Amino acid sequence: DTLLATSRAWRNWDAQNDDALLFTAQAAVELEQLPVAVEALGQVANTYQGALQALAYRAEIQQAGLNRIYDAEATWLRMLEIDPRASLPRQRLIYF
């Protein structure tokens, strides 16, 4: 709970720093608050250097952790908007 509060304080202090969102998501997963993790990862900017990795993590949580396959599909499609050559979302969408 302290990690989650710290990560939120970091994001409030530096609203443009998407690393804080990843920290929030990791803390939420540790606390088994998967919807909080999904929400945090969904706020990552498409221009963020780790956007594809963050969104892949988000889709994994949506699909496997929350059984929200259609939400995961939307995340995979967002990943393809960022990088149309990204292989992971293409693979996942084929199986979908």
Protein backbone atom coordinates (compact mmCIF):
# COMPACT_ATOMS: atom_id res chain seq x y z
CA ASP A 1 0.00 0.00 0.00
CA THR A 2 2.93 2.34 0.70
CA LEU A 3 4.37 1.60 -2.75
CA LEU A 4 1.08 2.45 -4.39
CA ALA A 5 0.80 5.72 -2.46
CA THR A 6 4.40 6.58 -3.31
CA SER A 7 3.90 5.90 -7.00
CA ARG A 8 0.78 8.06 -7.09
CA ALA A 9 2.62 10.86 -5.31
CA TRP A 10 5.39 10.57 -7.90
CA ARG A 11 2.86 10.86 -10.74
CA ASN A 12 1.22 13.87 -9.07
CA TRP A 13 4.61 15.52 -8.64
CA ASP A 14 5.71 14.80 -12.24
CA ALA A 15 2.59 14.27 -14.33
CA GLN A 16 4.54 13.84 -17.56
CA ASN A 17 6.68 10.97 -16.25
CA ASP A 18 5.19 7.71 -17.47
CA ASP A 19 7.74 5.72 -15.45
CA ALA A 20 5.57 6.57 -12.46
CA LEU A 21 2.65 4.80 -14.14
CA LEU A 22 4.71 1.64 -14.53
CA PHE A 23 5.68 1.85 -10.88
CA THR A 24 1.99 2.26 -9.98
CA ALA A 25 1.06 -0.78 -12.07
CA GLN A 26 3.77 -2.93 -10.50
CA ALA A 27 2.69 -1.91 -7.02
CA ALA A 28 -0.96 -2.64 -7.86
CA VAL A 29 -0.10 -6.10 -9.20
CA GLU A 30 1.84 -6.85 -6.02
CA LEU A 31 -1.25 -5.84 -4.03
CA GLU A 32 -3.47 -7.92 -6.36
CA GLN A 33 -5.31 -4.79 -7.49
CA LEU A 34 -5.31 -5.70 -11.17
CA PRO A 35 -7.90 -3.12 -12.30
CA VAL A 36 -5.70 -0.38 -10.81
CA ALA A 37 -2.72 -1.74 -12.75
CA VAL A 38 -4.71 -1.82 -16.00
CA GLU A 39 -5.87 1.76 -15.47
CA ALA A 40 -2.34 3.01 -14.80
CA LEU A 41 -0.88 1.25 -17.83
CA GLY A 42 -3.67 2.60 -20.01
CA GLN A 43 -2.54 6.14 -19.22
CA VAL A 44 0.90 5.62 -20.74
CA ALA A 45 1.41 7.99 -23.66
CA ASN A 46 1.80 6.45 -27.10
CA THR A 47 5.03 8.42 -27.43
CA TYR A 48 6.54 6.97 -24.25
CA GLN A 49 9.71 5.00 -24.95
CA GLY A 50 8.33 1.90 -23.20
CA ALA A 51 4.77 2.19 -24.46
CA LEU A 52 4.71 -1.13 -26.29
CA GLN A 53 6.09 -3.03 -23.30
CA ALA A 54 3.68 -1.30 -20.92
CA LEU A 55 0.73 -2.03 -23.16
CA ALA A 56 1.81 -5.65 -23.62
CA TYR A 57 1.83 -5.98 -19.83
CA ARG A 58 -1.60 -4.33 -19.71
CA ALA A 59 -3.05 -6.71 -22.29
CA GLU A 60 -1.61 -9.70 -20.43
CA ILE A 61 -3.32 -8.57 -17.23
CA GLN A 62 -6.56 -7.93 -19.09
CA GLN A 63 -6.53 -11.32 -20.80
CA ALA A 64 -5.09 -13.66 -18.19
CA GLY A 65 -5.67 -11.85 -14.92
CA LEU A 66 -9.08 -10.29 -15.44
CA ASN A 67 -10.47 -12.42 -18.29
CA ARG A 68 -11.35 -9.28 -20.25
CA ILE A 69 -10.41 -10.51 -23.71
CA TYR A 70 -12.13 -7.68 -25.61
CA ASP A 71 -10.29 -5.09 -23.55
CA ALA A 72 -7.06 -6.92 -24.34
CA GLU A 73 -7.98 -6.83 -28.03
CA ALA A 74 -8.36 -3.04 -27.85
CA THR A 75 -4.95 -2.78 -26.19
CA TRP A 76 -3.33 -4.93 -28.90
CA LEU A 77 -4.91 -2.72 -31.56
CA ARG A 78 -3.55 0.36 -29.80
CA MET A 79 -0.11 -1.24 -29.88
CA LEU A 80 -0.42 -1.65 -33.66
CA GLU A 81 -1.37 2.02 -33.99
CA ILE A 82 1.91 2.88 -32.27
CA ASP A 83 3.99 0.43 -34.31
CA PRO A 84 2.25 -1.34 -37.20
CA ARG A 85 5.21 -3.76 -37.42
CA ALA A 86 4.98 -4.90 -33.79
CA SER A 87 4.85 -8.69 -33.79
CA LEU A 88 3.41 -9.41 -30.32
CA PRO A 89 0.00 -7.80 -30.87
CA ARG A 90 -0.25 -9.42 -34.29
CA GLN A 91 0.43 -12.84 -32.77
CA ARG A 92 -2.13 -12.29 -30.03
CA LEU A 93 -4.78 -11.08 -32.46
CA ILE A 94 -4.26 -14.14 -34.65
CA TYR A 95 -5.01 -16.40 -31.69
CA PHE A 96 -7.91 -14.23 -30.68
